[in-house]
Amino acid sequence: MRRIKILSGSLLFILPLLATQDDSQKEGAGGIVVGEGYAIALGAPPGWIFETKLALQRGASVVIYPADEGIDSTPVTIYVNVFALQGVSLEAWLTQDIAELEDEY
């Protein structure tokens, strides 16, 4: 019985986000990023675009950017990638990621 309540409560949150998923760009839209062992619901703030097609071209799951700017001209873009840590602690992953960023930039 408890699982049913949790599931129905989750659906009330998720269904409005699913309704916004289509091919058009909408300010403040959102969606669900799904992978093996996880799913995360995200939304763009008002005045921002939530985009998945352009994100895939850039190696990300989602990009979020200001609606009054084009993706190629905006100075601010949020790139979202989600994945399972697969036995690595968050601290270890962050340490490695920071080291790789410092090497790259």
Protein backbone atom coordinates (compact mmCIF):
# COMPACT_ATOMS: atom_id res chain seq x y z
CA MET A 1 0.00 0.00 0.00
CA ARG A 2 2.84 2.40 0.82
CA ARG A 3 4.44 1.79 -2.60
CA ILE A 4 1.19 2.68 -4.32
CA LYS A 5 0.99 5.98 -2.43
CA ILE A 6 4.61 6.82 -3.29
CA LEU A 7 4.07 5.89 -6.94
CA SER A 8 0.86 7.90 -7.24
CA GLY A 9 2.51 10.88 -5.53
CA SER A 10 5.46 10.62 -7.92
CA LEU A 11 3.15 10.49 -10.92
CA LEU A 12 1.43 13.70 -9.83
CA PHE A 13 4.84 15.40 -9.98
CA ILE A 14 6.12 13.71 -13.15
CA LEU A 15 3.05 13.80 -15.41
CA PRO A 16 3.04 17.60 -15.87
CA LEU A 17 6.70 17.41 -16.89
CA LEU A 18 5.99 14.63 -19.39
CA ALA A 19 3.24 16.74 -20.91
CA THR A 20 5.76 19.44 -21.81
CA GLN A 21 8.05 17.11 -23.76
CA ASP A 22 7.81 17.60 -27.50
CA ASP A 23 9.99 18.88 -30.33
CA SER A 24 9.22 22.56 -29.86
CA GLN A 25 11.26 24.83 -27.63
CA LYS A 26 9.23 26.19 -24.74
CA GLU A 27 10.28 28.60 -22.06
CA GLY A 28 10.27 26.98 -18.64
CA ALA A 29 9.69 23.48 -20.05
CA GLY A 30 11.17 20.38 -18.49
CA GLY A 31 11.58 16.68 -18.88
CA ILE A 32 12.95 13.50 -17.43
CA VAL A 33 16.47 12.21 -18.05
CA VAL A 34 16.48 8.41 -17.76
CA GLY A 35 19.37 5.96 -17.65
CA GLU A 36 20.27 2.61 -16.18
CA GLY A 37 19.40 2.74 -12.50
CA TYR A 38 18.22 6.36 -12.37
CA ALA A 39 15.71 8.94 -13.56
CA ILE A 40 15.78 12.65 -12.76
CA ALA A 41 13.14 15.28 -13.44
CA LEU A 42 14.46 18.68 -14.50
CA GLY A 43 12.88 21.96 -15.47
CA ALA A 44 14.06 25.22 -16.94
CA PRO A 45 13.29 28.38 -14.99
CA PRO A 46 10.93 30.93 -16.54
CA GLY A 47 12.64 32.71 -19.41
CA TRP A 48 14.95 29.76 -20.17
CA ILE A 49 14.78 26.96 -22.78
CA PHE A 50 15.07 23.23 -21.93
CA GLU A 51 16.55 21.46 -24.97
CA THR A 52 17.54 17.83 -25.56
CA LYS A 53 18.25 17.61 -29.32
CA LEU A 54 20.92 20.31 -29.28
CA ALA A 55 22.27 18.82 -26.06
CA LEU A 56 22.95 15.47 -27.70
CA GLN A 57 24.92 17.23 -30.46
CA ARG A 58 27.07 18.77 -27.71
CA GLY A 59 27.60 15.57 -25.73
CA ALA A 60 25.12 16.35 -22.95
CA SER A 61 21.72 15.02 -21.91
CA VAL A 62 20.12 18.48 -21.62
CA VAL A 63 21.10 22.09 -22.23
CA ILE A 64 19.26 24.97 -20.59
CA TYR A 65 19.83 28.51 -21.88
CA PRO A 66 18.16 31.95 -21.84
CA ALA A 67 15.18 32.17 -24.21
CA ASP A 68 16.21 35.60 -25.50
CA GLU A 69 19.58 34.24 -26.71
CA GLY A 70 20.44 31.59 -29.27
CA ILE A 71 22.32 28.54 -28.02
CA ASP A 72 25.40 29.61 -30.00
CA SER A 73 25.34 33.25 -28.91
CA THR A 74 24.51 33.05 -25.21
CA PRO A 75 27.34 33.58 -22.73
CA VAL A 76 25.51 31.33 -20.22
CA THR A 77 24.51 27.70 -20.81
CA ILE A 78 23.71 24.95 -18.33
CA TYR A 79 24.85 21.51 -19.52
CA VAL A 80 23.28 18.53 -17.74
CA ASN A 81 24.66 14.99 -17.71
CA VAL A 82 23.41 12.32 -15.34
CA PHE A 83 24.90 8.89 -14.73
CA ALA A 84 25.24 6.20 -12.10
CA LEU A 85 28.42 6.37 -10.01
CA GLN A 86 28.82 2.57 -10.19
CA GLY A 87 30.63 1.97 -6.93
CA VAL A 88 32.67 5.19 -6.90
CA SER A 89 32.05 7.66 -4.09
CA LEU A 90 30.80 11.10 -5.05
CA GLU A 91 33.90 12.67 -3.48
CA ALA A 92 36.24 10.45 -5.54
CA TRP A 93 34.34 11.19 -8.72
CA LEU A 94 34.40 14.96 -8.11
CA THR A 95 38.13 14.88 -7.35
CA GLN A 96 38.81 13.04 -10.62
CA ASP A 97 36.50 15.30 -12.62
CA ILE A 98 38.15 18.47 -11.27
CA ALA A 99 41.59 17.05 -12.09
CA GLU A 100 40.49 16.30 -15.66
CA LEU A 101 39.02 19.80 -16.07
CA GLU A 102 42.26 21.37 -14.79
CA ASP A 103 44.26 19.30 -17.29
CA GLU A 104 41.94 20.23 -20.15
CA TYR A 105 41.68 23.96 -19.40
